[in-house]
Amino acid sequence: MYSLQSLLQGVRDPKKVGREINKFIHTRGGRHSYNPDGIDIFDQDWDNLIILDACRYDIFAEIAELPGELEAKYSRGSATYNFIRANFANRQALDTVYVGANSWFLKLKEEINAEVHDFIDLQHLDKNVDWAHEELLAVTPETVTEAAIEADKKYPNKRLIIHYLQPHHPFIGSAGQENFIQQSSSLIDVIEASDVSDELLWQAYKENLEIVLPEVTNLLNTLPGKTVVTADHGEMLGDRHNYVPIRDYGHHKGIFNDATVKVPWLINETNDRKGIKSDPPVGTSSINMESVDEQLRNLGYKID
């Protein structure tokens, strides 16, 4: 259960107190570890699931010009680690290959008893390969696309989850790089360090989405089967909370408002569906969890 003590920990920080009260209400006093109104992604019909990390429905609907039918759905998670726990816990998805620019699945898979046929970890590619933005250590959209196309060739009878990092910060567009101090920081820390307006924040966020969308178009034109474009969660960009209406930023565990859990669900179908089948998981080398933690910290996550 959620304790009163946790509500009082931020007594010197009114915004933190307000966030904790909102979290308490959203989770019904801690009874819900994830959004109970969110969908189970594995209950949905798709051959390829393209995930845009931290992509809000409203901005996607405004900017994205992709083929297919767009609707809104609600995610189970308000942050990637919630999304992974809520969708993968105690699941043996041996018909699925996960191409990931975010390593939370690796971080949690043993703890939550989860398995996929193969996880292609793009955060740990050879650093001599042009895999990431040189300074920000963010996996580029082009790298994800190339890996997804190779995975489809290698595993033609598997469902694909393709997890792009953008529009999640760090901001790799021109406005983002010029105005934000952002390496290894949460979005709140980035904003406080950079002293920027909400208007500039929205511009940098939209830039990140605009940068990744051409790569999504490439996959929609390349991958066979039924492809869905969605997000693991959204992002607060100065939005007010539902209950204690303070302005806030980022994506927080246990906050289930439209900014954080309302996500796009764009369906693009081809004539041919994949012949999906399960196979034993691909053997992988032992995971260096210190390296995984380091890469997640580079994205601003606080790792216990």
Protein backbone atom coordinates (compact mmCIF):
# COMPACT_ATOMS: atom_id res chain seq x y z
CA MET A 1 0.00 0.00 0.00
CA TYR A 2 0.99 3.60 -0.51
CA SER A 3 2.15 5.09 2.81
CA LEU A 4 1.46 8.51 4.23
CA GLN A 5 5.20 8.84 4.80
CA SER A 6 5.83 8.75 1.05
CA LEU A 7 3.43 11.70 0.65
CA LEU A 8 5.40 13.72 3.20
CA GLN A 9 8.90 13.01 1.89
CA GLY A 10 8.73 15.98 -0.45
CA VAL A 11 7.37 18.43 2.11
CA ARG A 12 10.07 20.95 1.17
CA ASP A 13 9.14 20.67 -2.50
CA PRO A 14 5.48 21.60 -3.16
CA LYS A 15 5.63 20.23 -6.70
CA LYS A 16 6.85 16.88 -5.42
CA VAL A 17 4.11 16.81 -2.78
CA GLY A 18 1.49 17.60 -5.42
CA ARG A 19 2.83 14.87 -7.68
CA GLU A 20 2.74 12.33 -4.87
CA ILE A 21 -0.87 13.21 -4.01
CA ASN A 22 -1.85 12.81 -7.66
CA LYS A 23 -0.05 9.48 -7.75
CA PHE A 24 -1.84 8.36 -4.61
CA ILE A 25 -5.23 9.09 -6.23
CA HIS A 26 -4.37 7.60 -9.64
CA THR A 27 -3.16 4.34 -8.08
CA ARG A 28 -6.04 4.18 -5.60
CA GLY A 29 -3.66 4.40 -2.68
CA GLY A 30 -1.10 2.12 -4.30
CA ARG A 31 -3.51 -0.69 -5.16
CA HIS A 32 -2.75 -0.34 -8.87
CA SER A 33 0.87 -0.76 -9.94
CA TYR A 34 -0.07 0.12 -13.52
CA ASN A 35 -2.93 1.80 -15.36
CA PRO A 36 -5.94 -0.57 -15.01
CA ASP A 37 -7.59 1.00 -18.07
CA GLY A 38 -4.59 0.35 -20.30
CA ILE A 39 -4.38 -2.31 -23.02
CA ASP A 40 -2.32 -5.49 -23.01
CA ILE A 41 -0.28 -5.13 -26.19
CA PHE A 42 -0.19 -8.91 -26.69
CA ASP A 43 -3.98 -9.06 -26.77
CA GLN A 44 -3.95 -6.77 -29.82
CA ASP A 45 -3.71 -7.89 -33.45
CA TRP A 46 -0.37 -6.99 -35.06
CA ASP A 47 2.62 -8.50 -36.82
CA ASN A 48 4.91 -5.53 -36.18
CA LEU A 49 4.56 -3.11 -33.25
CA ILE A 50 6.51 0.14 -33.64
CA ILE A 51 6.93 1.91 -30.30
CA LEU A 52 7.83 5.61 -30.17
CA ASP A 53 9.16 6.23 -26.68
CA ALA A 54 7.28 8.94 -24.73
CA CYS A 55 5.06 9.88 -27.68
CA ARG A 56 1.92 11.84 -26.80
CA TYR A 57 -1.24 11.12 -28.75
CA ASP A 58 -2.13 14.78 -29.33
CA ILE A 59 1.21 15.76 -30.84
CA PHE A 60 1.40 12.58 -32.92
CA ALA A 61 -2.08 13.32 -34.31
CA GLU A 62 -1.01 16.88 -35.11
CA ILE A 63 2.31 16.08 -36.81
CA ALA A 64 2.36 12.53 -38.13
CA GLU A 65 1.34 12.02 -41.75
CA LEU A 66 1.56 8.26 -41.99
CA PRO A 67 -0.54 5.82 -44.00
CA GLY A 68 -3.16 3.96 -41.98
CA GLU A 69 -6.01 4.49 -39.55
CA LEU A 70 -5.27 6.40 -36.33
CA GLU A 71 -7.08 6.00 -33.04
CA ALA A 72 -6.22 6.60 -29.41
CA LYS A 73 -5.59 3.90 -26.86
CA TYR A 74 -4.40 3.97 -23.27
CA SER A 75 -1.12 2.44 -22.20
CA ARG A 76 -0.72 0.34 -19.07
CA GLY A 77 2.42 2.27 -18.18
CA SER A 78 3.27 5.92 -17.54
CA ALA A 79 6.98 5.13 -17.91
CA THR A 80 8.89 2.47 -19.83
CA TYR A 81 9.63 0.33 -16.78
CA ASN A 82 5.88 0.30 -15.94
CA PHE A 83 5.07 -0.56 -19.55
CA ILE A 84 7.52 -3.48 -19.54
CA ARG A 85 6.31 -4.84 -16.21
CA ALA A 86 2.62 -4.51 -17.09
CA ASN A 87 2.88 -6.16 -20.51
CA PHE A 88 5.69 -8.70 -20.14
CA ALA A 89 5.50 -10.04 -16.57
CA ASN A 90 5.34 -13.86 -16.51
CA ARG A 91 5.04 -13.94 -20.30
CA GLN A 92 6.99 -16.23 -22.62
CA ALA A 93 6.58 -14.39 -25.92
CA LEU A 94 8.60 -16.85 -27.97
CA ASP A 95 6.93 -15.76 -31.20
CA THR A 96 8.32 -12.23 -30.74
CA VAL A 97 11.62 -10.49 -31.49
CA TYR A 98 12.22 -7.18 -29.70
CA VAL A 99 14.48 -4.58 -31.36
CA GLY A 100 15.21 -2.10 -28.58
CA ALA A 101 16.83 1.33 -28.34
CA ASN A 102 15.81 1.29 -24.66
CA SER A 103 17.21 -1.42 -22.38
CA TRP A 104 14.48 -1.65 -19.72
CA PHE A 105 13.44 -5.09 -20.95
CA LEU A 106 16.97 -6.37 -20.27
CA LYS A 107 17.00 -4.68 -16.89
CA LEU A 108 13.74 -6.31 -15.77
CA LYS A 109 13.41 -9.60 -17.66
CA GLU A 110 14.76 -11.86 -14.91
CA GLU A 111 12.88 -10.08 -12.15
CA ILE A 112 9.53 -10.29 -13.93
CA ASN A 113 10.07 -13.75 -15.48
CA ALA A 114 9.79 -12.51 -19.07
CA GLU A 115 11.22 -13.95 -22.27
CA VAL A 116 11.10 -13.22 -25.98
CA HIS A 117 12.57 -15.24 -28.82
CA ASP A 118 15.35 -12.67 -29.24
CA PHE A 119 16.09 -9.21 -27.84
CA ILE A 120 18.29 -7.08 -30.10
CA ASP A 121 19.88 -4.55 -27.78
CA LEU A 122 20.83 -1.41 -29.70
CA GLN A 123 22.13 0.47 -26.67
CA HIS A 124 25.10 -1.89 -26.48
CA LEU A 125 26.32 -1.96 -30.05
CA ASP A 126 30.03 -1.62 -30.69
CA LYS A 127 30.79 2.05 -30.04
CA ASN A 128 32.98 2.07 -33.16
CA VAL A 129 29.80 1.67 -35.20
CA ASP A 130 27.87 4.82 -36.09
CA TRP A 131 25.01 3.80 -33.79
CA ALA A 132 24.37 6.87 -31.68
CA HIS A 133 24.43 10.61 -31.49
CA GLU A 134 28.09 11.28 -30.71
CA GLU A 135 27.60 13.43 -27.61
CA LEU A 136 24.20 12.42 -26.27
CA LEU A 137 24.61 8.63 -26.47
CA ALA A 138 21.10 8.29 -27.88
CA VAL A 139 20.46 5.53 -30.39
CA THR A 140 19.62 7.18 -33.70
CA PRO A 141 16.36 6.43 -35.53
CA GLU A 142 18.35 5.25 -38.56
CA THR A 143 20.09 2.61 -36.45
CA VAL A 144 16.75 1.26 -35.22
CA THR A 145 15.35 1.10 -38.74
CA GLU A 146 18.35 -0.78 -40.09
CA ALA A 147 18.21 -3.25 -37.21
CA ALA A 148 14.47 -3.79 -37.69
CA ILE A 149 14.85 -4.53 -41.40
CA GLU A 150 17.64 -7.00 -40.66
CA ALA A 151 15.55 -8.63 -37.94
CA ASP A 152 12.63 -9.05 -40.34
CA LYS A 153 14.92 -10.79 -42.82
CA LYS A 154 16.41 -13.01 -40.13
CA TYR A 155 13.10 -13.81 -38.42
CA PRO A 156 10.36 -13.71 -41.11
CA ASN A 157 7.98 -15.80 -39.01
CA LYS A 158 8.18 -13.72 -35.83
CA ARG A 159 6.26 -10.77 -34.54
CA LEU A 160 8.52 -7.72 -34.27
CA ILE A 161 8.52 -5.09 -31.55
CA ILE A 162 10.58 -2.12 -32.77
CA HIS A 163 11.27 0.38 -30.01
CA TYR A 164 12.61 3.79 -31.13
CA LEU A 165 13.94 6.12 -28.45
CA GLN A 166 12.54 9.34 -29.90
CA PRO A 167 10.65 11.57 -29.16
CA HIS A 168 12.01 10.82 -25.64
CA HIS A 169 14.84 13.19 -24.74
CA PRO A 170 17.77 13.76 -25.21
CA PHE A 171 16.70 16.21 -27.87
CA ILE A 172 18.67 15.61 -31.06
CA GLY A 173 17.15 18.36 -33.23
CA SER A 174 18.73 21.77 -33.72
CA ALA A 175 16.56 23.65 -31.17
CA GLY A 176 17.10 20.90 -28.61
CA GLN A 177 20.86 20.78 -28.99
CA GLU A 178 21.24 24.55 -28.99
CA ASN A 179 19.13 25.27 -25.92
CA PHE A 180 19.15 22.26 -23.59
CA ILE A 181 21.75 20.96 -21.16
CA GLN A 182 20.60 17.38 -21.19
CA GLN A 183 23.08 14.52 -20.98
CA SER A 184 22.32 11.89 -18.32
CA SER A 185 19.45 13.85 -16.81
CA SER A 186 15.74 13.46 -16.30
CA LEU A 187 13.52 15.86 -18.24
CA ILE A 188 12.82 17.86 -15.09
CA ASP A 189 16.56 18.22 -14.43
CA VAL A 190 17.14 19.15 -18.07
CA ILE A 191 14.55 21.93 -17.90
CA GLU A 192 15.86 23.29 -14.61
CA ALA A 193 19.46 23.26 -15.87
CA SER A 194 18.56 24.82 -19.20
CA ASP A 195 16.14 27.53 -18.00
CA VAL A 196 13.94 27.31 -21.08
CA SER A 197 10.33 28.21 -21.81
CA ASP A 198 7.55 25.67 -22.29
CA GLU A 199 7.28 26.92 -25.87
CA LEU A 200 10.88 25.97 -26.56
CA LEU A 201 10.39 22.61 -24.83
CA TRP A 202 7.44 21.81 -27.10
CA GLN A 203 9.52 22.81 -30.12
CA ALA A 204 12.38 20.49 -29.13
CA TYR A 205 9.97 17.64 -28.41
CA LYS A 206 8.22 18.07 -31.75
CA GLU A 207 11.60 18.13 -33.49
CA ASN A 208 12.47 14.76 -31.98
CA LEU A 209 9.19 13.34 -33.27
CA GLU A 210 9.69 14.88 -36.71
CA ILE A 211 13.15 13.29 -36.88
CA VAL A 212 11.90 9.76 -36.20
CA LEU A 213 8.77 9.83 -38.38
CA PRO A 214 10.58 9.38 -41.74
CA GLU A 215 12.16 6.22 -40.34
CA VAL A 216 8.72 4.95 -39.31
CA THR A 217 7.50 5.64 -42.85
CA ASN A 218 10.44 3.61 -44.17
CA LEU A 219 9.38 0.63 -42.05
CA LEU A 220 5.72 0.96 -43.01
CA ASN A 221 6.79 0.76 -46.64
CA THR A 222 9.15 -2.17 -46.02
CA LEU A 223 7.77 -4.56 -43.42
CA PRO A 224 5.21 -7.19 -44.41
CA GLY A 225 2.07 -7.86 -42.43
CA LYS A 226 -0.04 -5.69 -40.14
CA THR A 227 1.98 -2.91 -38.51
CA VAL A 228 0.84 -0.77 -35.59
CA VAL A 229 2.57 2.47 -34.54
CA THR A 230 2.11 3.33 -30.87
CA ALA A 231 3.96 4.50 -27.74
CA ASP A 232 4.91 2.97 -24.42
CA HIS A 233 3.73 6.14 -22.64
CA GLY A 234 3.41 9.88 -23.15
CA GLU A 235 5.12 12.93 -21.63
CA MET A 236 4.07 15.90 -19.49
CA LEU A 237 5.32 19.12 -21.08
CA GLY A 238 4.09 21.67 -18.59
CA ASP A 239 0.62 20.07 -18.39
CA ARG A 240 -1.37 20.33 -15.19
CA HIS A 241 -2.14 17.24 -13.13
CA ASN A 242 -5.73 16.05 -12.88
CA TYR A 243 -6.27 16.38 -9.13
CA VAL A 244 -3.74 18.74 -7.57
CA PRO A 245 -3.38 20.91 -10.71
CA ILE A 246 0.31 21.76 -10.56
CA ARG A 247 2.29 22.00 -13.77
CA ASP A 248 4.72 19.15 -14.31
CA TYR A 249 7.21 17.64 -16.73
CA GLY A 250 8.34 14.17 -17.72
CA HIS A 251 6.68 10.81 -17.16
CA HIS A 252 6.22 9.52 -13.65
CA LYS A 253 5.34 6.13 -12.26
CA GLY A 254 1.72 6.01 -11.18
CA ILE A 255 0.51 9.14 -13.00
CA PHE A 256 -2.28 8.05 -15.36
CA ASN A 257 -3.47 11.22 -17.08
CA ASP A 258 -3.94 11.84 -20.81
CA ALA A 259 -0.50 13.39 -21.20
CA THR A 260 1.19 10.26 -19.86
CA VAL A 261 -0.94 7.27 -20.90
CA LYS A 262 -3.05 8.35 -23.91
CA VAL A 263 -1.05 7.04 -26.87
CA PRO A 264 -1.42 6.75 -30.64
CA TRP A 265 -2.54 3.50 -32.21
CA LEU A 266 -2.04 3.76 -35.96
CA ILE A 267 -2.89 0.63 -37.97
CA ASN A 268 -1.27 0.00 -41.35
CA GLU A 269 -2.14 -3.27 -43.10
CA THR A 270 -0.69 -5.02 -46.14
CA ASN A 271 -2.35 -7.80 -48.08
CA ASP A 272 -0.10 -10.53 -46.68
CA ARG A 273 0.07 -11.45 -43.00
CA LYS A 274 3.07 -13.15 -41.48
CA GLY A 275 3.03 -16.85 -40.64
CA ILE A 276 3.87 -16.42 -36.97
CA LYS A 277 5.26 -19.30 -34.92
CA SER A 278 7.06 -19.75 -31.62
CA ASP A 279 10.58 -21.11 -31.23
CA PRO A 280 12.94 -21.52 -28.26
CA PRO A 281 14.73 -18.32 -27.26
CA VAL A 282 18.00 -17.49 -28.96
CA GLY A 283 20.96 -18.05 -26.66
CA THR A 284 22.60 -14.78 -25.67
CA SER A 285 25.78 -13.97 -23.84
CA SER A 286 25.52 -13.03 -20.18
CA ILE A 287 24.17 -9.55 -19.58
CA ASN A 288 26.47 -6.99 -18.00
CA MET A 289 23.95 -5.27 -15.76
CA GLU A 290 26.36 -2.50 -14.85
CA SER A 291 26.51 -1.60 -18.52
CA VAL A 292 22.72 -1.75 -18.82
CA ASP A 293 22.38 0.54 -15.80
CA GLU A 294 24.91 2.96 -17.27
CA GLN A 295 23.02 3.20 -20.54
CA LEU A 296 19.72 3.79 -18.74
CA ARG A 297 21.32 6.53 -16.65
CA ASN A 298 22.46 8.13 -19.92
CA LEU A 299 18.76 8.50 -20.74
CA GLY A 300 18.09 10.20 -17.41
CA TYR A 301 16.69 7.24 -15.46
CA LYS A 302 17.47 7.00 -11.78
CA ILE A 303 18.62 3.42 -11.20
CA ASP A 304 18.46 2.02 -7.66
